[in-house]
């Protein structure tokens, strides 16, 4: 075996051993799901996000068409996560950010909404995967 081949083999061995450890140590987090497109609606919004906790709820949710449901079902592990959906109208520069915080024994998914400074009116929709036990909190 050449020196280059031995290096590649060693790198593969080290990587092969490290990947399972990384997966085991993966911490819960809030994930934005850009491929999951909710339908626009006035029934849920920036001040009242929709929380979907199971595949059964997803199947019945008016927040998605068949394509959106399929993407959400593929993206969210309902055994460990729930789906949080926002829809609102506002400036094209509106921003919604998310982070997972720990407060004592509780996990809190904190969403921060920042109103844009432009006068245009745009419809926004965003979907997130959040740890199932996390409390959802919105800060404006």
Protein backbone atom coordinates (compact mmCIF):
# COMPACT_ATOMS: atom_id res chain seq x y z
CA UNK A 1 0.00 0.00 0.00
CA UNK A 2 1.33 3.44 -0.88
CA UNK A 3 1.76 6.17 1.71
CA UNK A 4 -1.18 8.04 0.18
CA UNK A 5 -3.35 4.92 0.39
CA UNK A 6 -2.38 4.38 4.04
CA UNK A 7 -3.26 7.97 4.86
CA UNK A 8 -6.65 7.59 3.18
CA UNK A 9 -7.26 4.34 5.04
CA UNK A 10 -6.28 5.89 8.35
CA UNK A 11 -8.47 8.93 7.71
CA UNK A 12 -11.42 6.68 6.86
CA UNK A 13 -10.84 4.64 10.03
CA UNK A 14 -10.69 7.75 12.24
CA UNK A 15 -13.73 9.29 10.54
CA UNK A 16 -15.62 6.01 10.80
CA UNK A 17 -14.99 5.92 14.54
CA UNK A 18 -15.81 9.61 15.07
CA UNK A 19 -19.12 9.77 13.20
CA UNK A 20 -21.05 7.48 15.58
CA UNK A 21 -19.73 9.49 18.53
CA UNK A 22 -20.85 12.74 16.92
CA UNK A 23 -24.31 11.31 16.27
CA UNK A 24 -24.60 10.07 19.87
CA UNK A 25 -23.53 13.48 21.23
CA UNK A 26 -25.84 15.45 18.94
CA UNK A 27 -27.75 17.89 21.09
CA UNK A 28 -31.41 18.75 20.51
CA UNK A 29 -31.86 21.98 18.60
CA UNK A 30 -34.37 24.09 16.71
CA UNK A 31 -34.09 23.50 12.97
CA UNK A 32 -35.55 25.75 10.30
CA UNK A 33 -37.07 23.65 7.52
CA UNK A 34 -36.68 25.67 4.31
CA UNK A 35 -37.98 22.79 2.16
CA UNK A 36 -41.24 22.60 4.13
CA UNK A 37 -43.66 25.19 2.78
CA UNK A 38 -46.80 25.84 4.85
CA UNK A 39 -49.82 27.42 3.22
CA UNK A 40 -50.55 31.07 3.91
CA UNK A 41 -53.27 31.56 6.50
CA UNK A 42 -54.73 34.06 8.91
CA UNK A 43 -55.65 31.29 11.39
CA UNK A 44 -52.12 30.92 12.67
CA UNK A 45 -49.52 33.61 12.57
CA UNK A 46 -46.58 35.36 14.09
CA UNK A 47 -48.33 35.84 17.41
CA UNK A 48 -49.90 32.36 17.50
CA UNK A 49 -47.69 29.73 15.89
CA UNK A 50 -49.23 26.38 15.09
CA UNK A 51 -47.70 23.37 16.88
CA UNK A 52 -48.10 19.95 15.24
CA UNK A 53 -46.98 17.10 17.49
CA UNK A 54 -47.71 13.97 15.46
CA UNK A 55 -48.01 12.58 11.94
CA UNK A 56 -51.75 12.21 12.57
CA UNK A 57 -52.08 15.92 13.37
CA UNK A 58 -50.02 16.74 10.29
CA UNK A 59 -52.35 14.65 8.10
CA UNK A 60 -55.34 16.70 9.35
CA UNK A 61 -53.67 20.11 9.39
CA UNK A 62 -55.02 22.80 7.07
CA UNK A 63 -51.58 24.43 7.17
CA UNK A 64 -50.26 22.15 4.40
CA UNK A 65 -51.20 20.81 1.01
CA UNK A 66 -50.14 17.26 0.04
CA UNK A 67 -46.69 18.38 -1.12
CA UNK A 68 -46.04 20.30 2.10
CA UNK A 69 -47.28 17.40 4.23
CA UNK A 70 -44.93 14.99 2.45
CA UNK A 71 -41.96 17.32 2.95
CA UNK A 72 -42.82 17.87 6.63
CA UNK A 73 -43.29 14.16 7.28
CA UNK A 74 -39.87 13.50 5.76
CA UNK A 75 -38.15 16.33 7.68
CA UNK A 76 -39.59 15.88 11.19
CA UNK A 77 -39.04 12.91 13.50
CA UNK A 78 -42.32 13.10 15.44
CA UNK A 79 -40.99 10.65 18.04
CA UNK A 80 -38.52 13.34 19.17
CA UNK A 81 -39.72 16.57 17.55
CA UNK A 82 -42.77 18.67 16.86
CA UNK A 83 -43.43 20.98 13.93
CA UNK A 84 -43.90 24.68 14.62
CA UNK A 85 -45.46 26.77 11.83
CA UNK A 86 -45.58 30.54 11.46
CA UNK A 87 -47.48 32.55 8.84
CA UNK A 88 -47.84 36.31 8.77
CA UNK A 89 -48.00 39.42 6.62
CA UNK A 90 -45.43 42.14 7.02
CA UNK A 91 -42.42 43.89 5.61
CA UNK A 92 -40.28 41.97 3.16
CA UNK A 93 -37.44 42.48 5.63
CA UNK A 94 -39.19 40.90 8.61
CA UNK A 95 -36.96 38.44 10.43
CA UNK A 96 -37.72 35.42 12.57
CA UNK A 97 -34.86 33.70 14.38
CA UNK A 98 -34.86 30.75 16.76
CA UNK A 99 -32.73 29.22 19.47
CA UNK A 100 -33.12 26.50 22.06
CA UNK A 101 -32.56 27.56 25.67
CA UNK A 102 -32.42 25.56 28.88
CA UNK A 103 -34.18 27.02 31.90
CA UNK A 104 -33.73 24.71 34.82
CA UNK A 105 -35.19 21.37 33.80
CA UNK A 106 -37.15 22.87 30.90
CA UNK A 107 -36.18 23.46 27.29
CA UNK A 108 -37.59 26.54 25.62
CA UNK A 109 -37.62 27.20 21.88
CA UNK A 110 -37.35 30.98 21.75
CA UNK A 111 -38.43 32.63 18.51
CA UNK A 112 -37.55 36.28 18.05
CA UNK A 113 -39.53 38.36 15.60
CA UNK A 114 -38.06 41.58 14.27
CA UNK A 115 -40.25 43.81 12.13
CA UNK A 116 -38.68 44.97 8.89
CA UNK A 117 -38.29 48.64 8.07
CA UNK A 118 -39.71 48.64 4.54
CA UNK A 119 -43.26 49.60 3.59
CA UNK A 120 -43.85 46.66 1.27
CA UNK A 121 -46.38 44.02 2.32
CA UNK A 122 -45.27 40.41 1.96
CA UNK A 123 -46.71 37.09 3.09
CA UNK A 124 -44.30 34.96 5.11
CA UNK A 125 -44.40 31.30 6.12
CA UNK A 126 -41.77 29.38 8.04
CA UNK A 127 -41.62 25.91 9.54
CA UNK A 128 -39.33 24.61 12.28
CA UNK A 129 -38.58 21.27 13.91
CA UNK A 130 -38.40 21.71 17.68
CA UNK A 131 -37.69 19.15 20.43
CA UNK A 132 -41.05 17.62 21.38
CA UNK A 133 -40.76 18.58 25.06
CA UNK A 134 -39.76 22.19 24.41
CA UNK A 135 -42.02 25.07 25.31
CA UNK A 136 -42.50 27.48 22.38
CA UNK A 137 -42.05 31.14 23.22
CA UNK A 138 -42.28 34.16 20.93
CA UNK A 139 -40.52 37.44 21.68
CA UNK A 140 -41.23 40.56 19.66
